[in-house]
Amino acid sequence: MDGIPADKELMAEAGLRRPNQAPHDRFLASYRARMGYRDTPLEPPAVHGVEGAIDLHCHAHEGQQDALAVARTAAASGMGGLLFKSSLGMRRPDVAGPAGVIREVAADLRRWCEETGVEPIGLWAGWITSFTKGLPMLRAARTQLADGVKAVWMPVFRSANTLHKVGGPPIWWGASTDPAEWSDPLPWARAVEVGEHTLDGHGRLKPEYKEVFRMAADHDVMVSFGHATHEEIFAMAEAVRELHITKAVIDHPFSPFIDLSLAEMRELTSAGIYMNFTYDEISPLLGVNPADMAAAILELGTDHVTLSSDAGEPLFPHTVEAIRLVRAHMRAFGLSEEQAHQVCVINPGVLMGVR
């Protein structure tokens, strides 16, 4: 190809784009959105555009953002609250679980708010069924719910679906002693053998997992489907219907772990299950087109949609900034102010029992 640099010529022959070359339709839509969206200019380190927002998916375990620091930023920014999906309480031996740790964070936040005049916000703890501290799962669930967790997640990191798609530390299933080792994605049969799968051999929800759904219903707390396969998702949806659960959530439905079609999302939201879209999905790490996410929300309607950060890792902005970003992107790509308020403030407040 005369006149084309060698590297571009090779890429053209291979049908590849340059690393910074976006598909034209996405480039065009993105440029129009970024030029058309207006809000109050940022004055770092202030974060605004998150007033009243409640994040239902915030991480603060080992190696993640500090729970108290992000709570202070959230309060100073006028957010409504944070639900910690993970925290140091998963491993601390001196507390029953994450609720105890978040109570400590909340007490520290109140003291800071009294000193600064900032209004305190709601802080809540979630619990993942994989983290039992050596107890049988149902006993652990009873303990955590009695201790005050406000949400229960089905298997996430240790689910068979996660291990099948991205692998995991072999130390989890006794195949290594090196905590830093990470396996290749496991064959499905092996992933089910060493991971956590919520279905029995007949494709039905295992009794112990259905009982956790029943406990969540009895305590009126949110339940998330975790990193479930499609088969697991629809079995869980059946449990939600049977138990008349009104606080059921599917996290990051566009992520490769979940990967629901719009038709599947519509079927699930029509059953009263919330789609919890996240900054993680539109971040550079997953790269979902924000125009596609906004279009899906507009198609579904906002009655059973929420926006969350899924932030905490050092490769992400902190939770408050991630909430600002995902909300701003959805506004820029078509959600009205009223719709953004519903998915960031109203619906999460219902799920946390504060609305």
Protein backbone atom coordinates (compact mmCIF):
# COMPACT_ATOMS: atom_id res chain seq x y z
CA MET A 1 0.00 0.00 0.00
CA ASP A 2 1.91 3.00 -1.30
CA GLY A 3 2.28 5.87 1.10
CA ILE A 4 0.96 3.95 4.12
CA PRO A 5 3.40 3.37 6.99
CA ALA A 6 4.41 -0.26 7.38
CA ASP A 7 2.69 -0.74 10.74
CA LYS A 8 -0.60 0.64 9.40
CA GLU A 9 -0.27 -1.46 6.25
CA LEU A 10 0.13 -4.63 8.33
CA MET A 11 -2.83 -3.70 10.49
CA ALA A 12 -4.96 -3.00 7.44
CA GLU A 13 -4.08 -6.39 5.95
CA ALA A 14 -5.04 -8.07 9.22
CA GLY A 15 -8.31 -6.12 9.44
CA LEU A 16 -7.26 -4.49 12.69
CA ARG A 17 -7.80 -0.98 14.00
CA ARG A 18 -5.12 1.11 15.59
CA PRO A 19 -5.34 0.92 19.41
CA ASN A 20 -6.83 4.43 19.61
CA GLN A 21 -9.20 4.01 16.68
CA ALA A 22 -12.81 3.55 17.77
CA PRO A 23 -15.55 2.22 15.49
CA HIS A 24 -16.88 5.22 13.59
CA ASP A 25 -20.47 4.93 14.81
CA ARG A 26 -19.34 4.84 18.43
CA PHE A 27 -16.86 7.67 17.82
CA LEU A 28 -19.59 9.80 16.24
CA ALA A 29 -22.16 9.13 19.00
CA SER A 30 -19.59 9.65 21.73
CA TYR A 31 -18.38 12.96 20.33
CA ARG A 32 -21.90 14.28 20.00
CA ALA A 33 -22.71 13.18 23.56
CA ARG A 34 -19.61 14.71 25.10
CA MET A 35 -20.13 18.02 23.30
CA GLY A 36 -23.84 18.13 24.09
CA TYR A 37 -23.80 17.17 27.77
CA ARG A 38 -23.58 20.03 30.26
CA ASP A 39 -23.33 20.08 34.05
CA THR A 40 -21.74 22.32 36.68
CA PRO A 41 -17.99 22.42 35.95
CA LEU A 42 -15.93 20.32 38.32
CA GLU A 43 -13.63 21.99 40.80
CA PRO A 44 -11.34 19.19 42.05
CA PRO A 45 -11.39 17.57 44.50
CA ALA A 46 -15.11 18.30 44.83
CA VAL A 47 -17.47 15.71 43.37
CA HIS A 48 -20.97 16.75 42.44
CA GLY A 49 -23.70 15.28 40.28
CA VAL A 50 -24.13 12.49 42.85
CA GLU A 51 -26.49 14.20 45.29
CA GLY A 52 -28.77 11.67 46.96
CA ALA A 53 -27.32 8.74 45.01
CA ILE A 54 -27.04 5.37 46.73
CA ASP A 55 -24.37 2.97 45.50
CA LEU A 56 -25.51 -0.64 45.81
CA HIS A 57 -22.20 -2.19 44.77
CA CYS A 58 -19.15 -0.77 46.55
CA HIS A 59 -15.95 -2.69 47.37
CA ALA A 60 -13.65 -2.12 50.37
CA HIS A 61 -11.91 -5.43 51.11
CA GLU A 62 -8.14 -6.06 51.13
CA GLY A 63 -6.37 -4.12 48.38
CA GLN A 64 -9.45 -2.00 47.66
CA GLN A 65 -10.42 1.57 48.53
CA ASP A 66 -10.58 2.48 52.21
CA ALA A 67 -14.16 2.27 53.51
CA LEU A 68 -13.99 5.30 55.81
CA ALA A 69 -12.22 7.49 53.25
CA VAL A 70 -14.78 6.78 50.54
CA ALA A 71 -17.62 7.22 53.06
CA ARG A 72 -16.29 10.67 53.96
CA THR A 73 -16.07 11.63 50.30
CA ALA A 74 -19.58 10.32 49.67
CA ALA A 75 -20.97 12.28 52.62
CA ALA A 76 -19.14 15.46 51.64
CA SER A 77 -20.54 15.06 48.11
CA GLY A 78 -24.11 14.70 49.36
CA MET A 79 -24.67 11.08 48.41
CA GLY A 80 -27.46 9.12 50.05
CA GLY A 81 -25.49 6.05 51.07
CA LEU A 82 -23.15 3.17 50.27
CA LEU A 83 -23.79 -0.57 50.32
CA PHE A 84 -20.49 -2.40 50.75
CA LYS A 85 -20.60 -5.64 48.81
CA SER A 86 -17.24 -6.57 50.30
CA SER A 87 -15.28 -5.29 53.28
CA LEU A 88 -12.59 -6.31 55.73
CA GLY A 89 -15.30 -8.02 57.75
CA MET A 90 -15.06 -11.03 55.45
CA ARG A 91 -11.84 -12.04 57.21
CA ARG A 92 -11.59 -10.26 60.56
CA PRO A 93 -11.86 -12.82 63.37
CA ASP A 94 -13.07 -10.31 65.97
CA VAL A 95 -16.43 -9.57 64.30
CA ALA A 96 -19.24 -11.83 63.16
CA GLY A 97 -18.93 -10.49 59.65
CA PRO A 98 -19.10 -7.40 57.45
CA ALA A 99 -21.96 -5.72 59.32
CA GLY A 100 -19.74 -5.33 62.39
CA VAL A 101 -17.00 -3.65 60.39
CA ILE A 102 -19.41 -1.28 58.65
CA ARG A 103 -20.92 -0.33 62.01
CA GLU A 104 -17.43 0.73 63.08
CA VAL A 105 -17.00 2.73 59.86
CA ALA A 106 -20.39 4.36 60.40
CA ALA A 107 -19.42 5.37 63.96
CA ASP A 108 -16.15 6.88 62.70
CA LEU A 109 -18.05 8.68 59.95
CA ARG A 110 -20.53 10.17 62.45
CA ARG A 111 -17.66 11.53 64.56
CA TRP A 112 -16.05 13.08 61.49
CA CYS A 113 -19.38 14.55 60.40
CA GLU A 114 -19.88 16.13 63.84
CA GLU A 115 -16.44 17.73 63.58
CA THR A 116 -16.94 19.03 60.04
CA GLY A 117 -20.64 19.80 59.91
CA VAL A 118 -21.17 17.39 57.03
CA GLU A 119 -24.43 15.45 57.02
CA PRO A 120 -23.81 11.71 57.63
CA ILE A 121 -25.08 9.17 55.11
CA GLY A 122 -26.35 5.61 55.26
CA LEU A 123 -23.74 2.83 55.27
CA TRP A 124 -24.79 -0.79 54.90
CA ALA A 125 -23.03 -4.14 54.67
CA GLY A 126 -23.63 -6.95 52.22
CA TRP A 127 -22.61 -10.58 52.56
CA ILE A 128 -21.52 -13.10 49.90
CA THR A 129 -22.62 -16.69 50.49
CA SER A 130 -19.09 -17.97 49.77
CA PHE A 131 -17.68 -16.30 52.89
CA THR A 132 -18.90 -18.55 55.69
CA LYS A 133 -15.86 -18.40 58.04
CA GLY A 134 -15.91 -22.19 58.16
CA LEU A 135 -19.60 -22.47 59.07
CA PRO A 136 -22.17 -24.40 57.03
CA MET A 137 -23.68 -21.92 54.57
CA LEU A 138 -27.17 -21.81 56.09
CA ARG A 139 -25.82 -21.28 59.59
CA ALA A 140 -23.54 -18.55 58.25
CA ALA A 141 -26.50 -16.92 56.48
CA ARG A 142 -28.54 -16.89 59.68
CA THR A 143 -25.60 -15.38 61.57
CA GLN A 144 -24.99 -12.63 59.01
CA LEU A 145 -28.66 -11.70 58.65
CA ALA A 146 -29.07 -11.58 62.43
CA ASP A 147 -25.98 -9.35 62.60
CA GLY A 148 -27.60 -6.84 60.27
CA VAL A 149 -26.41 -7.29 56.68
CA LYS A 150 -28.76 -5.51 54.26
CA ALA A 151 -27.97 -7.57 51.18
CA VAL A 152 -26.99 -11.13 50.29
CA TRP A 153 -25.02 -12.03 47.18
CA MET A 154 -25.11 -15.46 45.62
CA PRO A 155 -21.65 -16.87 44.68
CA VAL A 156 -19.38 -14.36 42.97
CA PHE A 157 -15.59 -14.86 42.96
CA ARG A 158 -15.83 -18.58 43.68
CA SER A 159 -18.81 -19.36 41.46
CA ALA A 160 -18.35 -22.04 38.83
CA ASN A 161 -19.26 -19.44 36.21
CA THR A 162 -16.43 -17.13 37.31
CA LEU A 163 -13.87 -19.95 37.39
CA HIS A 164 -15.02 -21.13 33.97
CA LYS A 165 -14.70 -17.67 32.42
CA VAL A 166 -11.62 -16.17 34.09
CA GLY A 167 -10.11 -18.86 36.34
CA GLY A 168 -9.10 -18.25 39.92
CA PRO A 169 -6.44 -18.97 42.57
CA PRO A 170 -5.81 -22.76 42.62
CA ILE A 171 -5.14 -22.44 46.35
CA TRP A 172 -8.94 -22.22 46.70
CA TRP A 173 -9.37 -25.84 45.64
CA GLY A 174 -6.14 -27.21 47.07
CA ALA A 175 -4.20 -27.34 43.82
CA SER A 176 -1.49 -24.90 44.91
CA THR A 177 0.06 -23.31 47.99
CA ASP A 178 0.88 -20.04 46.22
CA PRO A 179 -1.79 -17.40 46.98
CA ALA A 180 -0.58 -15.27 44.05
CA GLU A 181 -1.03 -18.00 41.42
CA TRP A 182 -4.00 -17.64 39.04
CA SER A 183 -5.28 -20.44 36.84
CA ASP A 184 -6.43 -20.36 33.25
CA PRO A 185 -10.22 -20.52 32.79
CA LEU A 186 -11.35 -23.94 33.94
CA PRO A 187 -13.33 -26.43 31.82
CA TRP A 188 -16.97 -26.31 32.88
CA ALA A 189 -16.98 -29.74 34.52
CA ARG A 190 -13.91 -28.86 36.57
CA ALA A 191 -15.34 -25.43 37.46
CA VAL A 192 -18.50 -27.07 38.84
CA GLU A 193 -16.37 -29.60 40.74
CA VAL A 194 -14.21 -27.03 42.55
CA GLY A 195 -16.42 -23.93 42.42
CA GLU A 196 -19.88 -23.08 43.70
CA HIS A 197 -22.89 -23.83 41.52
CA THR A 198 -26.41 -23.12 42.72
CA LEU A 199 -28.24 -25.72 40.58
CA ASP A 200 -28.72 -29.43 41.16
CA GLY A 201 -28.41 -32.13 38.51
CA HIS A 202 -31.94 -31.41 37.31
CA GLY A 203 -31.40 -27.68 36.75
CA ARG A 204 -33.28 -26.67 39.88
CA LEU A 205 -32.03 -24.32 42.58
CA LYS A 206 -30.37 -26.36 45.31
CA PRO A 207 -32.43 -26.40 48.52
CA GLU A 208 -29.77 -24.59 50.55
CA TYR A 209 -29.65 -21.67 48.10
CA LYS A 210 -33.43 -21.48 47.90
CA GLU A 211 -33.46 -21.35 51.70
CA VAL A 212 -31.09 -18.37 51.58
CA PHE A 213 -33.58 -16.65 49.27
CA ARG A 214 -36.30 -17.46 51.80
CA MET A 215 -34.21 -15.98 54.64
CA ALA A 216 -33.60 -12.82 52.59
CA ALA A 217 -37.33 -12.53 52.03
CA ASP A 218 -38.05 -12.99 55.74
CA HIS A 219 -35.54 -10.27 56.64
CA ASP A 220 -36.68 -8.04 53.77
CA VAL A 221 -33.13 -7.52 52.48
CA MET A 222 -31.80 -7.25 48.97
CA VAL A 223 -30.59 -10.39 47.22
CA SER A 224 -28.24 -10.34 44.23
CA PHE A 225 -27.86 -13.22 41.79
CA GLY A 226 -24.05 -12.85 41.81
CA HIS A 227 -22.09 -14.27 38.88
CA ALA A 228 -24.79 -16.72 37.88
CA THR A 229 -25.14 -18.47 34.54
CA HIS A 230 -28.30 -17.89 32.53
CA GLU A 231 -29.69 -21.19 33.78
CA GLU A 232 -29.02 -20.15 37.37
CA ILE A 233 -30.49 -16.69 36.78
CA PHE A 234 -33.84 -18.03 35.60
CA ALA A 235 -33.96 -20.61 38.40
CA MET A 236 -33.34 -17.79 40.89
CA ALA A 237 -35.99 -15.70 39.18
CA GLU A 238 -38.46 -18.54 39.77
CA ALA A 239 -37.55 -18.51 43.48
CA VAL A 240 -38.11 -14.74 43.54
CA ARG A 241 -41.57 -15.26 42.06
CA GLU A 242 -42.49 -18.11 44.42
CA LEU A 243 -41.30 -16.26 47.52
CA HIS A 244 -42.76 -12.87 46.48
CA ILE A 245 -39.35 -11.22 46.82
CA THR A 246 -39.36 -7.54 45.82
CA LYS A 247 -35.68 -6.72 46.37
CA ALA A 248 -33.89 -8.91 43.81
CA VAL A 249 -31.02 -7.56 41.71
CA ILE A 250 -28.88 -8.70 38.79
CA ASP A 251 -25.54 -6.90 38.81
CA HIS A 252 -23.72 -5.67 35.68
CA PRO A 253 -26.02 -7.40 33.14
CA PHE A 254 -23.78 -6.41 30.20
CA SER A 255 -20.62 -7.91 31.74
CA PRO A 256 -19.20 -11.14 30.27
CA PHE A 257 -20.13 -12.93 33.51
CA ILE A 258 -23.84 -12.21 32.96
CA ASP A 259 -24.21 -11.16 29.30
CA LEU A 260 -27.99 -10.88 29.14
CA SER A 261 -29.76 -9.95 25.95
CA LEU A 262 -32.24 -7.08 25.96
CA ALA A 263 -35.08 -9.59 25.63
CA GLU A 264 -33.82 -11.48 28.69
CA MET A 265 -33.47 -8.26 30.66
CA ARG A 266 -37.01 -7.31 29.70
CA GLU A 267 -38.35 -10.68 30.83
CA LEU A 268 -36.59 -10.35 34.18
CA THR A 269 -37.52 -6.72 34.88
CA SER A 270 -41.14 -7.52 34.02
CA ALA A 271 -40.94 -10.04 36.89
CA GLY A 272 -39.86 -7.24 39.25
CA ILE A 273 -36.11 -7.99 39.22
CA TYR A 274 -33.80 -4.97 39.06
CA MET A 275 -31.00 -4.58 36.51
CA ASN A 276 -28.09 -2.94 38.32
CA PHE A 277 -25.91 -1.38 35.62
CA THR A 278 -22.41 -0.39 36.74
CA TYR A 279 -19.48 1.86 35.96
CA ASP A 280 -17.41 -1.33 35.65
CA GLU A 281 -19.24 -2.17 32.43
CA ILE A 282 -18.46 1.12 30.67
CA SER A 283 -14.95 1.38 32.14
CA PRO A 284 -11.90 0.83 29.90
CA LEU A 285 -11.55 -2.67 31.40
CA LEU A 286 -14.84 -3.97 29.95
CA GLY A 287 -15.54 -1.30 27.36
CA VAL A 288 -19.31 -1.58 27.00
CA ASN A 289 -20.58 1.21 24.79
CA PRO A 290 -22.41 3.65 27.10
CA ALA A 291 -24.82 4.40 24.25
CA ASP A 292 -25.86 0.73 24.30
CA MET A 293 -26.35 0.82 28.07
CA ALA A 294 -28.45 3.97 27.93
CA ALA A 295 -30.51 2.57 25.05
CA ALA A 296 -31.17 -0.61 27.04
CA ILE A 297 -32.31 1.39 30.07
CA LEU A 298 -34.61 3.53 27.94
CA GLU A 299 -36.04 0.41 26.33
CA LEU A 300 -36.57 -1.33 29.68
CA GLY A 301 -37.93 1.73 31.44
CA THR A 302 -36.53 2.91 34.75
CA ASP A 303 -38.93 1.24 37.20
CA HIS A 304 -36.57 -1.69 37.80
CA VAL A 305 -33.15 -0.25 36.94
CA THR A 306 -30.36 1.05 39.19
CA LEU A 307 -26.88 2.48 38.59
CA SER A 308 -23.89 1.47 40.73
CA SER A 309 -20.13 1.80 40.73
CA ASP A 310 -18.74 -1.73 41.29
CA ALA A 311 -15.64 0.27 42.21
CA GLY A 312 -12.90 -0.20 44.74
CA GLU A 313 -9.99 -1.62 42.78
CA PRO A 314 -7.00 0.67 42.14
CA LEU A 315 -7.63 0.59 38.37
CA PHE A 316 -10.98 2.33 38.93
CA PRO A 317 -11.89 5.81 40.12
CA HIS A 318 -13.12 5.79 43.71
CA THR A 319 -16.79 4.96 44.19
CA VAL A 320 -18.09 8.53 44.34
CA GLU A 321 -16.37 9.51 41.10
CA ALA A 322 -17.48 6.25 39.46
CA ILE A 323 -21.10 7.03 40.40
CA ARG A 324 -20.70 10.52 38.92
CA LEU A 325 -19.28 9.05 35.73
CA VAL A 326 -21.90 6.36 35.16
CA ARG A 327 -24.73 8.78 35.93
CA ALA A 328 -23.26 11.49 33.70
CA HIS A 329 -22.76 9.04 30.83
CA MET A 330 -26.36 7.86 31.06
CA ARG A 331 -27.56 11.48 31.09
CA ALA A 332 -25.36 12.35 28.14
CA PHE A 333 -26.65 9.38 26.17
CA GLY A 334 -30.33 10.02 26.68
CA LEU A 335 -31.69 9.60 30.21
CA SER A 336 -33.65 12.57 31.50
CA GLU A 337 -32.84 14.17 34.84
CA GLU A 338 -35.97 12.54 36.27
CA GLN A 339 -34.93 9.11 34.97
CA ALA A 340 -31.40 9.52 36.31
CA HIS A 341 -32.82 10.48 39.71
CA GLN A 342 -35.00 7.38 39.76
CA VAL A 343 -32.19 4.93 38.96
CA CYS A 344 -29.62 6.59 41.23
CA VAL A 345 -31.72 7.74 44.19
CA ILE A 346 -35.27 6.40 44.28
CA ASN A 347 -34.85 2.76 43.26
CA PRO A 348 -31.68 2.10 45.32
CA GLY A 349 -33.43 3.73 48.27
CA VAL A 350 -36.31 1.28 47.90
CA LEU A 351 -33.86 -1.63 47.83
CA MET A 352 -32.16 -0.36 51.00
CA GLY A 353 -35.48 0.24 52.72
CA VAL A 354 -35.06 4.00 53.11
CA ARG A 355 -37.82 4.95 50.62
